[in-house]
N, C-alpha and C. Protein backbone atom coordinates (compact mmCIF):
# COMPACT_ATOMS: atom_id res chain seq x y z
N MET A 1 0.80 -1.10 -0.13
CA MET A 1 0.02 0.05 0.10
C MET A 1 0.95 1.20 -0.06
N PRO A 2 0.66 2.29 -0.92
CA PRO A 2 1.51 3.35 -0.89
C PRO A 2 1.45 4.09 0.32
N PHE A 3 2.48 4.86 0.68
CA PHE A 3 2.81 5.59 2.09
C PHE A 3 1.64 6.49 2.34
N TRP A 4 1.08 7.31 1.07
CA TRP A 4 0.13 8.26 1.44
C TRP A 4 -1.18 7.66 1.81
N LYS A 5 -1.40 6.59 1.49
CA LYS A 5 -2.81 5.80 1.88
C LYS A 5 -2.58 5.53 3.26
N ARG A 6 -1.40 4.88 3.75
CA ARG A 6 -1.34 4.42 5.21
C ARG A 6 -1.36 5.74 6.01
N ASN A 7 -1.01 6.69 5.58
CA ASN A 7 -0.89 8.02 6.48
C ASN A 7 -2.17 8.64 6.58
N ARG A 8 -3.23 8.25 6.03
CA ARG A 8 -4.53 8.93 5.84
C ARG A 8 -4.56 10.37 5.56
N THR A 9 -3.93 10.68 4.39
CA THR A 9 -4.05 11.87 3.94
C THR A 9 -5.35 12.36 3.37
N LEU A 10 -5.29 13.71 2.64
CA LEU A 10 -6.55 14.18 2.02
C LEU A 10 -7.50 13.07 1.12
N ASP A 11 -6.52 12.14 0.66
CA ASP A 11 -7.41 10.99 -0.09
C ASP A 11 -8.51 10.20 0.57
N GLN A 12 -8.51 10.34 1.82
CA GLN A 12 -9.40 9.61 2.66
C GLN A 12 -10.75 10.51 2.84
N GLY A 13 -10.62 11.84 2.73
CA GLY A 13 -11.80 12.49 2.90
C GLY A 13 -12.04 13.75 1.76
N PHE A 14 -11.14 13.96 1.02
CA PHE A 14 -11.12 15.29 0.19
C PHE A 14 -12.24 15.17 -0.88
N SER A 15 -13.14 16.23 -0.96
CA SER A 15 -13.89 16.19 -2.31
C SER A 15 -13.47 17.69 -2.86
N PRO A 16 -13.51 17.78 -4.24
CA PRO A 16 -13.01 18.98 -4.86
C PRO A 16 -14.10 20.09 -4.65
N SER A 17 -15.33 19.68 -4.25
CA SER A 17 -16.45 20.71 -3.92
C SER A 17 -15.88 21.59 -2.86
N MET A 18 -14.94 21.01 -2.01
CA MET A 18 -14.48 21.78 -0.89
C MET A 18 -13.75 22.99 -1.38
N LEU A 19 -13.63 23.33 -2.55
CA LEU A 19 -12.79 24.41 -3.04
C LEU A 19 -13.79 25.24 -3.85
N ILE A 20 -15.07 24.90 -4.03
CA ILE A 20 -15.93 25.70 -4.77
C ILE A 20 -16.10 27.32 -4.34
N GLU A 21 -16.28 27.35 -3.04
CA GLU A 21 -16.39 28.92 -2.48
C GLU A 21 -15.04 29.53 -2.70
N ALA A 22 -13.85 28.92 -2.56
CA ALA A 22 -12.75 29.79 -2.68
C ALA A 22 -12.67 30.13 -4.19
N ALA A 23 -12.94 29.23 -5.05
CA ALA A 23 -12.89 29.35 -6.38
C ALA A 23 -13.59 30.52 -6.80
N ARG A 24 -14.95 30.69 -6.25
CA ARG A 24 -15.80 31.79 -6.72
C ARG A 24 -15.33 32.92 -6.17
N GLU A 25 -14.79 33.16 -4.93
CA GLU A 25 -14.31 34.32 -4.30
C GLU A 25 -12.78 34.76 -4.87
N GLN A 26 -11.93 33.69 -5.04
CA GLN A 26 -10.50 33.97 -5.35
C GLN A 26 -10.23 33.99 -6.90
N SER A 27 -11.05 33.43 -7.68
CA SER A 27 -10.76 33.29 -9.12
C SER A 27 -12.04 33.63 -10.00
N PRO A 28 -12.63 34.78 -9.75
CA PRO A 28 -13.79 35.07 -10.70
C PRO A 28 -13.56 34.99 -12.20
N GLU A 29 -12.23 35.16 -12.62
CA GLU A 29 -11.99 35.12 -13.98
C GLU A 29 -12.18 33.87 -14.60
N TYR A 30 -12.40 32.88 -13.74
CA TYR A 30 -12.73 31.47 -14.32
C TYR A 30 -14.10 31.04 -13.86
N PRO A 31 -15.17 31.52 -14.41
CA PRO A 31 -16.56 31.48 -14.02
C PRO A 31 -17.03 30.08 -14.18
N TRP A 32 -16.39 29.27 -14.83
CA TRP A 32 -16.75 27.82 -15.21
C TRP A 32 -16.13 26.92 -13.96
N LEU A 33 -15.20 27.34 -13.23
CA LEU A 33 -14.39 26.51 -12.32
C LEU A 33 -15.26 25.82 -11.23
N PRO A 34 -16.25 26.74 -10.52
CA PRO A 34 -16.96 26.20 -9.53
C PRO A 34 -17.80 25.01 -9.91
N ASP A 35 -18.33 25.04 -11.09
CA ASP A 35 -18.96 23.80 -11.73
C ASP A 35 -18.07 22.83 -11.84
N ALA A 36 -16.97 23.04 -12.41
CA ALA A 36 -16.05 21.79 -12.89
C ALA A 36 -15.50 21.23 -11.42
N LEU A 37 -15.25 22.01 -10.53
CA LEU A 37 -14.94 21.37 -9.07
C LEU A 37 -16.01 20.55 -8.45
N GLY A 38 -17.36 21.02 -8.73
CA GLY A 38 -18.40 20.40 -8.29
C GLY A 38 -18.82 18.96 -8.92
N SER A 39 -18.19 18.98 -10.11
CA SER A 39 -18.69 17.73 -10.90
C SER A 39 -17.40 16.78 -11.26
N CYS A 40 -16.27 16.98 -10.73
CA CYS A 40 -15.20 16.21 -11.26
C CYS A 40 -14.83 14.84 -10.57
N GLY A 41 -15.57 14.66 -9.40
CA GLY A 41 -15.35 13.35 -8.77
C GLY A 41 -14.06 13.32 -7.87
N THR A 42 -13.81 12.11 -7.44
CA THR A 42 -12.90 11.98 -6.69
C THR A 42 -11.36 11.98 -7.00
N GLY A 43 -11.35 11.47 -8.39
CA GLY A 43 -9.88 11.67 -9.07
C GLY A 43 -8.97 10.38 -8.56
N ASP A 44 -7.77 10.49 -9.20
CA ASP A 44 -6.70 9.46 -8.85
C ASP A 44 -5.63 10.01 -8.09
N TRP A 45 -5.34 9.69 -7.05
CA TRP A 45 -4.34 10.32 -6.04
C TRP A 45 -3.05 9.71 -6.74
N GLU A 46 -2.22 10.44 -6.98
CA GLU A 46 -0.96 10.18 -7.55
C GLU A 46 0.16 10.27 -6.45
N SER A 47 -0.15 11.03 -5.45
CA SER A 47 0.84 11.12 -4.23
C SER A 47 0.03 11.72 -3.13
N ALA A 48 0.71 11.89 -2.05
CA ALA A 48 -0.16 12.48 -0.77
C ALA A 48 -0.35 14.14 -1.24
N ALA A 49 0.17 14.42 -2.19
CA ALA A 49 -0.21 15.89 -2.41
C ALA A 49 -0.86 16.17 -3.79
N TYR A 50 -1.17 15.38 -4.71
CA TYR A 50 -1.42 15.63 -5.90
C TYR A 50 -2.78 14.58 -6.32
N VAL A 51 -3.83 15.23 -6.83
CA VAL A 51 -4.89 14.43 -7.22
C VAL A 51 -5.14 14.64 -8.64
N GLY A 52 -5.23 13.76 -9.66
CA GLY A 52 -5.29 14.09 -10.94
C GLY A 52 -6.75 13.61 -11.52
N TYR A 53 -7.29 14.49 -12.53
CA TYR A 53 -8.55 14.27 -13.02
C TYR A 53 -8.40 14.00 -14.52
N ILE A 54 -7.35 14.22 -15.14
CA ILE A 54 -7.20 13.88 -16.62
C ILE A 54 -5.96 13.44 -16.73
N SER A 55 -5.83 12.23 -17.58
CA SER A 55 -4.49 11.54 -17.79
C SER A 55 -3.35 12.51 -18.16
N ARG A 56 -2.24 12.46 -17.55
CA ARG A 56 -1.06 13.12 -17.99
C ARG A 56 -0.15 12.36 -18.90
N LYS A 57 -0.63 11.41 -19.58
CA LYS A 57 0.17 10.59 -20.60
C LYS A 57 0.45 11.46 -21.71
N LYS A 58 1.58 11.65 -22.06
CA LYS A 58 2.14 12.39 -23.26
C LYS A 58 1.63 13.84 -23.12
N PRO A 59 1.84 14.45 -22.01
CA PRO A 59 1.35 15.98 -21.73
C PRO A 59 1.80 16.78 -22.93
N ASN A 60 0.77 17.64 -23.51
CA ASN A 60 0.78 18.66 -24.33
C ASN A 60 1.37 18.12 -25.75
N GLN A 61 1.30 16.91 -25.91
CA GLN A 61 1.47 16.51 -27.40
C GLN A 61 0.24 16.18 -28.08
N LEU A 62 0.44 16.18 -29.27
CA LEU A 62 -0.90 15.93 -30.20
C LEU A 62 -1.62 14.82 -29.82
N GLY A 63 -3.02 14.96 -29.62
CA GLY A 63 -3.83 13.84 -29.36
C GLY A 63 -3.81 13.54 -27.75
N SER A 64 -3.04 14.10 -27.00
CA SER A 64 -3.08 13.87 -25.65
C SER A 64 -4.27 14.67 -24.99
N GLU A 65 -5.01 13.98 -24.02
CA GLU A 65 -6.12 14.80 -23.14
C GLU A 65 -5.55 15.99 -22.55
N TRP A 66 -4.19 15.92 -21.92
CA TRP A 66 -3.60 16.85 -21.21
C TRP A 66 -2.96 17.93 -21.99
N GLN A 67 -3.54 19.10 -22.10
CA GLN A 67 -3.13 20.31 -22.80
C GLN A 67 -3.12 21.35 -21.75
N PHE A 68 -1.91 21.74 -21.22
CA PHE A 68 -1.94 22.57 -20.14
C PHE A 68 -1.98 24.05 -20.58
N GLU A 69 -2.80 24.81 -19.78
CA GLU A 69 -3.00 26.14 -20.15
C GLU A 69 -2.40 27.16 -18.98
N THR A 70 -2.75 26.76 -17.72
CA THR A 70 -2.30 27.65 -16.69
C THR A 70 -2.52 27.01 -15.34
N ASN A 71 -1.94 27.63 -14.35
CA ASN A 71 -2.24 27.37 -12.87
C ASN A 71 -3.18 28.20 -12.31
N VAL A 72 -3.97 27.89 -11.30
CA VAL A 72 -4.82 28.84 -10.51
C VAL A 72 -4.42 28.49 -9.03
N ILE A 73 -4.05 29.44 -8.48
CA ILE A 73 -3.76 29.27 -6.97
C ILE A 73 -4.98 29.76 -6.04
N LEU A 74 -5.29 28.78 -5.15
CA LEU A 74 -6.36 29.14 -4.25
C LEU A 74 -5.84 29.08 -2.84
N MET A 75 -6.46 29.72 -1.82
CA MET A 75 -5.96 29.71 -0.60
C MET A 75 -7.29 29.45 0.40
N PRO A 76 -7.96 28.28 0.43
CA PRO A 76 -8.90 28.13 1.24
C PRO A 76 -8.51 27.84 2.70
N GLU A 77 -9.29 28.47 3.71
CA GLU A 77 -8.69 28.40 5.10
C GLU A 77 -8.34 26.88 5.60
N THR A 78 -9.32 25.88 5.26
CA THR A 78 -9.18 24.67 5.79
C THR A 78 -8.09 23.82 5.00
N LEU A 79 -7.78 24.09 3.80
CA LEU A 79 -6.83 23.22 3.19
C LEU A 79 -5.36 23.71 2.95
N GLY A 80 -5.23 25.08 3.16
CA GLY A 80 -3.96 25.67 3.00
C GLY A 80 -4.00 26.04 1.34
N THR A 81 -2.73 26.20 0.83
CA THR A 81 -2.73 26.71 -0.47
C THR A 81 -2.77 25.44 -1.30
N VAL A 82 -3.50 25.62 -2.41
CA VAL A 82 -3.66 24.56 -3.47
C VAL A 82 -3.43 25.28 -4.84
N VAL A 83 -2.94 24.65 -5.62
CA VAL A 83 -2.64 24.90 -7.20
C VAL A 83 -3.48 24.04 -7.99
N LEU A 84 -4.22 24.52 -8.73
CA LEU A 84 -5.18 23.93 -9.82
C LEU A 84 -4.50 23.88 -11.19
N ASP A 85 -4.34 22.73 -11.78
CA ASP A 85 -3.97 22.59 -13.25
C ASP A 85 -5.06 23.00 -14.05
N ILE A 86 -4.96 23.93 -14.68
CA ILE A 86 -6.22 24.34 -15.79
C ILE A 86 -5.64 23.63 -17.38
N LEU A 87 -6.40 23.04 -17.83
CA LEU A 87 -6.14 22.72 -19.19
C LEU A 87 -6.94 23.48 -20.29
N LYS A 88 -6.44 23.51 -21.44
CA LYS A 88 -7.16 24.23 -22.48
C LYS A 88 -8.57 23.55 -22.65
N GLY A 89 -9.55 24.41 -22.95
CA GLY A 89 -10.92 24.13 -22.93
C GLY A 89 -11.76 24.12 -21.64
N ASP A 90 -11.25 24.86 -20.77
CA ASP A 90 -11.76 25.05 -19.65
C ASP A 90 -12.01 23.93 -18.76
N ARG A 91 -11.06 23.08 -18.54
CA ARG A 91 -11.05 21.77 -17.77
C ARG A 91 -9.96 21.75 -16.75
N LEU A 92 -10.39 21.08 -15.66
CA LEU A 92 -9.51 20.89 -14.48
C LEU A 92 -8.65 19.65 -14.61
N GLY A 93 -7.41 19.78 -14.67
CA GLY A 93 -6.40 18.67 -14.96
C GLY A 93 -6.11 17.91 -13.55
N GLY A 94 -5.78 18.74 -12.46
CA GLY A 94 -5.53 18.07 -11.26
C GLY A 94 -5.32 19.20 -10.19
N ILE A 95 -5.19 18.83 -8.94
CA ILE A 95 -5.02 19.68 -7.89
C ILE A 95 -3.87 19.14 -6.99
N GLU A 96 -2.91 20.16 -6.66
CA GLU A 96 -1.77 20.05 -5.72
C GLU A 96 -2.04 20.72 -4.53
N PHE A 97 -1.75 20.01 -3.39
CA PHE A 97 -1.76 20.64 -2.08
C PHE A 97 -0.37 20.89 -1.74
N LEU A 98 -0.04 22.22 -1.57
CA LEU A 98 1.30 22.55 -1.27
C LEU A 98 1.67 22.23 0.14
N ASN A 99 0.78 22.22 1.00
CA ASN A 99 0.95 21.93 2.51
C ASN A 99 1.41 20.38 2.69
N LYS A 100 1.15 19.50 1.69
CA LYS A 100 1.38 18.06 1.87
C LYS A 100 2.62 17.75 1.10
N LEU A 101 3.22 18.71 0.47
CA LEU A 101 4.61 18.41 -0.13
C LEU A 101 5.59 18.07 0.77
N LYS A 102 6.49 17.09 0.64
CA LYS A 102 7.49 16.82 1.59
C LYS A 102 8.91 17.12 1.21
């Protein structure tokens, strides 16, 4: 079992919907983001600090689902600083929790 599952990190109880209010308040230039956070599901935990929603296989290459556009930084009180990977086409690629980096 991976170390992040043994240590009961955010993968045991995180829902992207926990970031909706922060997205509304802190990133109004992305009006689609709250809806995306509410509908993207639990994702795939790649580490204790990162949950992905779109495959990063062959990133930014022709035919790849992962076409990076920018990062959005949110600072919700309960989760600390998080970085959202925003992909072309107004899609959420993944979420990184900076306070969980080792």
